[in-house]
Amino acid sequence: MARLPSPIEELSHPILEKKEIKLFVKRDDLIHKEIMGNKWRKLKYNLQEAKNNGASTILTLGGAFSNHIYSTAAAGEEYGLRTIGLIRGDELSPESNETLRFASAKGMELEFVERSTYSKLRENPENLKKKYPGCYILPEGGTNELAIKGCKELVDEIDMDFDVIALPIGTGGTFCGVLAGVSGSQNVIGISSLKGDFIVDEMEKLIDRFQVKNKNFAINTDFHFGGYGKTNKELIEFINWFKEVFAISLDPIYTGKSFFAVWNMINSDKFEKNLKIILLHTGGLQGILGFNRKNKIIIQ
């Protein structure tokens, strides 16, 4: 069962008082234990559409540590749908990590695809439809028009005035959905988890593709910590500090970076005083276990 609307918690800290900033967290990580955060919102209408179309199988794509693969597998089991996951990397197996092990245990049929073949399949959905007839196809990361519709609803749940909502950017579906949902002078700040300014062009293309009219946004590319999946000691120490102070866990791929970015921007006076800022917690916490087993720097 989904917990909706997800709660909003105000954070209290001397730095926030000093900087005269009101900071809140939209706890989408609490929506569902396994279908967490923005993944639940992206899947909501897609699952309905699959059933409306008479499809009994969901097929999607993702990397070895994909939150989307994890959540789609859990959703398939919960909603009685067969799931197939095309995984980037033919050297992998269902036992390669916790994410793949979980997906397999939930009944997802995992197919491990050589990387160049994976790229061709990802970029040409029609090839997937031919190869897997009758399947409901979800793109990598789950970003499509129905996903954006689901993500837009999180803004509708916010029953307070605010000035800024900040969130991590991966494939961009959540970013576009939130941008479509805000109104007036409200601004959206996207924190890229990927290295490179190319993400700005990618988001502008996505905004045009899905006809999002609102242009009150900024994209920050300064807090990727080396690129997607990359971290360092400073980031992990911040994640552990944040949990100790506020009792909120963050993942190292998305929310850790976006929360770090906003906290850094508050500390360095990048925001005007008296703003109300909402941090969107998009979930992804299942990745912490695998991260800890792989790295020496441990997330508490």
Protein backbone atom coordinates (compact mmCIF):
# COMPACT_ATOMS: atom_id res chain seq x y z
CA MET A 1 0.00 0.00 0.00
CA ALA A 2 1.26 3.47 -0.90
CA ARG A 3 1.50 6.18 1.75
CA LEU A 4 0.04 9.28 0.13
CA PRO A 5 0.37 12.14 0.29
CA SER A 6 3.97 11.73 1.34
CA PRO A 7 4.74 13.88 4.40
CA ILE A 8 6.65 17.16 4.46
CA GLU A 9 9.07 17.71 7.32
CA GLU A 10 10.63 21.03 8.31
CA LEU A 11 14.31 20.93 9.23
CA SER A 12 15.65 22.86 12.18
CA HIS A 13 19.32 23.85 12.43
CA PRO A 14 21.34 26.90 13.60
CA ILE A 15 22.67 27.44 10.05
CA LEU A 16 19.13 27.76 8.72
CA GLU A 17 18.29 30.27 11.44
CA LYS A 18 21.46 32.25 10.71
CA LYS A 19 20.80 32.31 6.96
CA GLU A 20 17.06 32.97 7.51
CA ILE A 21 16.00 30.08 5.31
CA LYS A 22 13.06 27.75 5.86
CA LEU A 23 14.00 24.25 4.65
CA PHE A 24 11.62 21.31 4.22
CA VAL A 25 11.87 17.73 2.95
CA LYS A 26 9.14 16.14 0.86
CA ARG A 27 9.51 12.52 2.03
CA ASP A 28 8.69 10.55 -1.10
CA ASP A 29 11.05 7.90 0.28
CA LEU A 30 8.21 6.97 2.64
CA ILE A 31 5.63 6.24 -0.09
CA HIS A 32 6.40 2.53 -0.27
CA LYS A 33 9.10 0.30 1.21
CA GLU A 34 10.10 -1.25 -2.12
CA ILE A 35 8.50 0.92 -4.83
CA MET A 36 10.08 4.03 -3.42
CA GLY A 37 9.87 7.73 -4.20
CA ASN A 38 9.81 8.95 -7.77
CA LYS A 39 9.84 5.35 -9.03
CA TRP A 40 6.38 4.78 -7.55
CA ARG A 41 5.12 7.97 -9.17
CA LYS A 42 6.63 7.08 -12.55
CA LEU A 43 5.15 3.59 -12.48
CA LYS A 44 1.65 4.50 -11.24
CA TYR A 45 0.00 5.43 -14.53
CA ASN A 46 2.18 3.11 -16.60
CA LEU A 47 0.94 0.10 -14.63
CA GLN A 48 -2.63 1.24 -15.15
CA GLU A 49 -2.02 1.72 -18.87
CA ALA A 50 -0.44 -1.72 -19.19
CA LYS A 51 -3.47 -3.36 -17.62
CA ASN A 52 -5.87 -1.22 -19.68
CA ASN A 53 -4.07 -2.40 -22.83
CA GLY A 54 -4.36 -6.02 -21.76
CA ALA A 55 -0.61 -6.44 -21.39
CA SER A 56 0.49 -9.08 -18.91
CA THR A 57 4.21 -8.30 -19.19
CA ILE A 58 6.25 -5.17 -18.48
CA LEU A 59 9.61 -4.94 -20.25
CA THR A 60 12.18 -2.33 -19.33
CA LEU A 61 15.90 -1.56 -19.37
CA GLY A 62 18.49 -0.54 -16.83
CA GLY A 63 21.99 -0.78 -15.48
CA ALA A 64 23.33 -3.15 -12.86
CA PHE A 65 22.37 -0.90 -9.93
CA SER A 66 19.19 0.59 -11.43
CA ASN A 67 16.59 1.82 -8.94
CA HIS A 68 14.11 1.58 -11.81
CA ILE A 69 14.80 -2.13 -12.33
CA TYR A 70 14.47 -2.73 -8.59
CA SER A 71 11.14 -0.90 -8.34
CA THR A 72 9.65 -2.33 -11.53
CA ALA A 73 10.36 -5.85 -10.31
CA ALA A 74 8.67 -5.09 -6.98
CA ALA A 75 5.70 -3.46 -8.69
CA GLY A 76 5.28 -6.39 -11.06
CA GLU A 77 5.04 -8.82 -8.18
CA GLU A 78 2.65 -6.59 -6.23
CA TYR A 79 0.33 -5.92 -9.19
CA GLY A 80 0.44 -9.38 -10.74
CA LEU A 81 2.40 -8.52 -13.86
CA ARG A 82 5.25 -10.47 -15.41
CA THR A 83 8.42 -8.38 -15.71
CA ILE A 84 11.46 -8.62 -17.98
CA GLY A 85 14.57 -6.53 -17.39
CA LEU A 86 17.20 -5.98 -20.05
CA ILE A 87 20.38 -5.28 -18.10
CA ARG A 88 23.37 -3.42 -19.55
CA GLY A 89 26.41 -5.71 -19.35
CA ASP A 90 26.60 -9.30 -20.57
CA GLU A 91 29.26 -10.08 -17.97
CA LEU A 92 26.65 -9.77 -15.19
CA SER A 93 24.38 -12.34 -13.58
CA PRO A 94 21.43 -12.29 -11.14
CA GLU A 95 23.97 -12.76 -8.34
CA SER A 96 26.16 -9.79 -9.29
CA ASN A 97 24.71 -7.41 -6.68
CA GLU A 98 21.82 -6.79 -4.30
CA THR A 99 19.71 -4.93 -6.87
CA LEU A 100 19.81 -7.76 -9.42
CA ARG A 101 19.37 -10.39 -6.71
CA PHE A 102 16.28 -8.58 -5.43
CA ALA A 103 14.80 -8.16 -8.92
CA SER A 104 15.31 -11.83 -9.68
CA ALA A 105 13.76 -12.85 -6.35
CA LYS A 106 10.70 -10.74 -7.21
CA GLY A 107 10.26 -12.76 -10.38
CA MET A 108 11.81 -10.42 -12.94
CA GLU A 109 13.35 -12.30 -15.86
CA LEU A 110 16.78 -10.75 -16.33
CA GLU A 111 18.47 -10.70 -19.74
CA PHE A 112 22.06 -9.47 -19.75
CA VAL A 113 22.86 -7.56 -22.91
CA GLU A 114 26.19 -6.56 -24.43
CA ARG A 115 26.64 -2.81 -24.11
CA SER A 116 26.54 -1.76 -27.77
CA THR A 117 23.44 -3.90 -28.33
CA TYR A 118 21.86 -2.40 -25.22
CA SER A 119 22.43 1.14 -26.57
CA LYS A 120 20.76 0.24 -29.87
CA LEU A 121 17.74 -1.25 -28.08
CA ARG A 122 17.46 1.74 -25.76
CA GLU A 123 17.55 4.23 -28.61
CA ASN A 124 15.11 2.30 -30.84
CA PRO A 125 12.01 1.25 -28.90
CA GLU A 126 10.45 -0.09 -32.10
CA ASN A 127 13.09 -2.83 -32.13
CA LEU A 128 11.98 -3.83 -28.63
CA LYS A 129 8.36 -4.02 -29.74
CA LYS A 130 9.32 -6.33 -32.61
CA LYS A 131 11.52 -8.53 -30.45
CA TYR A 132 9.07 -8.68 -27.53
CA PRO A 133 5.57 -8.50 -29.03
CA GLY A 134 2.74 -7.99 -26.59
CA CYS A 135 4.94 -6.48 -23.88
CA TYR A 136 4.31 -3.05 -22.39
CA ILE A 137 7.61 -1.22 -22.96
CA LEU A 138 9.01 1.12 -20.32
CA PRO A 139 12.07 3.16 -21.34
CA GLU A 140 15.26 3.25 -19.32
CA GLY A 141 14.57 5.07 -16.05
CA GLY A 142 10.83 4.85 -16.69
CA THR A 143 10.61 8.35 -18.16
CA ASN A 144 7.65 8.88 -20.49
CA GLU A 145 4.53 11.03 -20.64
CA LEU A 146 2.69 8.94 -18.05
CA ALA A 147 5.67 9.07 -15.70
CA ILE A 148 5.70 12.85 -15.92
CA LYS A 149 1.97 12.91 -15.17
CA GLY A 150 2.61 10.86 -12.04
CA CYS A 151 5.49 13.06 -10.89
CA LYS A 152 3.47 16.22 -11.43
CA GLU A 153 1.05 15.00 -8.76
CA LEU A 154 3.64 15.33 -6.02
CA VAL A 155 3.47 19.11 -6.42
CA ASP A 156 -0.32 18.98 -6.14
CA GLU A 157 0.12 17.33 -2.73
CA ILE A 158 2.11 20.24 -1.31
CA ASP A 159 -0.34 22.23 0.83
CA MET A 160 2.01 25.04 1.81
CA ASP A 161 3.51 28.07 0.13
CA PHE A 162 7.06 27.62 -1.08
CA ASP A 163 9.55 29.42 -3.30
CA VAL A 164 11.92 26.69 -4.49
CA ILE A 165 11.78 22.94 -4.89
CA ALA A 166 15.11 21.17 -5.46
CA LEU A 167 15.61 17.63 -6.69
CA PRO A 168 18.18 15.33 -8.30
CA ILE A 169 18.29 14.79 -12.07
CA GLY A 170 18.87 11.40 -13.68
CA THR A 171 16.84 10.69 -16.81
CA GLY A 172 14.82 13.86 -16.18
CA GLY A 173 11.27 12.56 -15.86
CA THR A 174 10.80 13.67 -12.27
CA PHE A 175 12.34 17.05 -13.06
CA CYS A 176 9.92 17.61 -15.96
CA GLY A 177 6.95 16.46 -13.90
CA VAL A 178 7.77 18.78 -11.01
CA LEU A 179 8.41 21.67 -13.41
CA ALA A 180 5.00 21.06 -14.98
CA GLY A 181 3.41 21.15 -11.54
CA VAL A 182 4.80 24.36 -10.04
CA SER A 183 3.13 27.68 -10.69
CA GLY A 184 3.59 31.43 -10.38
CA SER A 185 7.02 32.48 -9.19
CA GLN A 186 7.93 29.03 -7.80
CA ASN A 187 11.27 27.78 -9.08
CA VAL A 188 12.66 24.30 -9.68
CA ILE A 189 16.34 23.55 -9.19
CA GLY A 190 17.65 20.33 -10.68
CA ILE A 191 20.92 18.93 -9.35
CA SER A 192 22.60 16.76 -11.97
CA SER A 193 24.05 13.44 -10.83
CA LEU A 194 25.86 13.15 -14.17
CA LYS A 195 29.09 14.84 -15.16
CA GLY A 196 28.95 17.41 -17.93
CA ASP A 197 26.91 20.37 -19.09
CA PHE A 198 25.26 18.21 -21.75
CA ILE A 199 22.51 17.54 -19.21
CA VAL A 200 21.23 21.10 -19.68
CA ASP A 201 20.59 20.48 -23.39
CA GLU A 202 19.07 17.08 -22.59
CA MET A 203 16.61 18.60 -20.13
CA GLU A 204 15.65 21.38 -22.53
CA LYS A 205 14.93 18.76 -25.21
CA LEU A 206 12.86 16.76 -22.72
CA ILE A 207 10.94 19.86 -21.67
CA ASP A 208 10.13 20.61 -25.31
CA ARG A 209 9.28 16.99 -26.07
CA PHE A 210 6.73 16.78 -23.28
CA GLN A 211 5.48 20.34 -23.87
CA VAL A 212 6.21 21.64 -20.40
CA LYS A 213 5.43 25.36 -20.58
CA ASN A 214 6.98 26.49 -17.30
CA LYS A 215 10.51 27.86 -17.66
CA ASN A 216 11.19 28.77 -14.02
CA PHE A 217 14.08 26.39 -13.54
CA ALA A 218 17.82 26.16 -13.10
CA ILE A 219 20.10 23.15 -13.52
CA ASN A 220 23.21 22.87 -11.37
CA THR A 221 26.02 20.70 -12.73
CA ASP A 222 28.60 21.39 -9.99
CA PHE A 223 27.78 18.58 -7.57
CA HIS A 224 28.17 15.34 -9.53
CA PHE A 225 31.24 14.28 -7.48
CA GLY A 226 32.95 12.86 -10.54
CA GLY A 227 29.96 11.54 -12.43
CA TYR A 228 27.10 9.09 -12.19
CA GLY A 229 27.68 6.59 -9.41
CA LYS A 230 30.83 8.41 -8.26
CA THR A 231 31.30 9.62 -4.68
CA ASN A 232 34.00 10.83 -2.36
CA LYS A 233 34.67 11.04 1.36
CA GLU A 234 33.15 14.51 1.66
CA LEU A 235 29.82 13.37 0.22
CA ILE A 236 29.60 10.24 2.38
CA GLU A 237 30.49 12.23 5.50
CA PHE A 238 27.69 14.67 4.65
CA ILE A 239 25.19 11.82 4.17
CA ASN A 240 26.13 10.37 7.55
CA TRP A 241 26.01 13.80 9.21
CA PHE A 242 22.59 14.50 7.71
CA LYS A 243 21.20 11.24 9.05
CA GLU A 244 22.67 11.87 12.50
CA VAL A 245 21.27 15.40 12.70
CA PHE A 246 17.90 15.00 10.95
CA ALA A 247 17.24 11.22 11.12
CA ILE A 248 16.79 11.05 7.33
CA SER A 249 18.77 8.58 5.21
CA LEU A 250 20.10 9.67 1.81
CA ASP A 251 21.45 7.60 -1.06
CA PRO A 252 24.87 8.40 -2.58
CA ILE A 253 23.74 8.48 -6.22
CA TYR A 254 20.91 11.03 -6.22
CA THR A 255 19.53 12.49 -2.99
CA GLY A 256 22.88 12.69 -1.23
CA LYS A 257 24.23 14.88 -4.02
CA SER A 258 21.14 17.09 -4.31
CA PHE A 259 20.83 17.63 -0.54
CA PHE A 260 24.58 18.36 -0.34
CA ALA A 261 24.23 20.89 -3.15
CA VAL A 262 21.38 22.81 -1.53
CA TRP A 263 23.05 22.77 1.90
CA ASN A 264 26.23 24.10 0.29
CA MET A 265 24.29 26.80 -1.55
CA ILE A 266 22.59 27.89 1.68
CA ASN A 267 25.94 28.03 3.49
CA SER A 268 27.51 30.11 0.72
CA ASP A 269 24.58 32.56 0.54
CA LYS A 270 23.40 31.54 -2.93
CA PHE A 271 19.78 31.98 -1.81
CA GLU A 272 17.98 35.12 -0.78
CA LYS A 273 16.82 35.36 2.82
CA ASN A 274 13.31 34.34 3.85
CA LEU A 275 12.92 31.73 1.14
CA LYS A 276 10.99 28.53 1.70
CA ILE A 277 12.85 25.68 0.03
CA ILE A 278 11.62 22.11 -0.37
CA LEU A 279 14.08 19.27 -0.90
CA LEU A 280 12.50 16.36 -2.74
CA HIS A 281 13.59 12.98 -1.38
CA THR A 282 13.24 10.65 -4.34
CA GLY A 283 14.10 7.42 -2.51
CA GLY A 284 16.73 5.04 -3.86
CA LEU A 285 17.76 3.90 -0.40
CA GLN A 286 18.02 0.24 -1.42
CA GLY A 287 21.33 1.11 -3.06
CA ILE A 288 23.03 1.81 0.27
CA LEU A 289 23.58 -1.88 1.09
CA GLY A 290 25.36 -2.56 -2.19
CA PHE A 291 27.40 0.63 -1.85
CA ASN A 292 28.59 -0.36 1.62
CA ARG A 293 29.67 -3.81 0.46
CA LYS A 294 31.61 -2.32 -2.42
CA ASN A 295 33.29 0.62 -0.68
CA LYS A 296 35.47 1.27 2.34
CA ILE A 297 33.66 4.50 3.24
CA ILE A 298 30.45 3.30 4.89
CA ILE A 299 27.03 4.96 4.87
CA GLN A 300 25.47 4.61 8.29
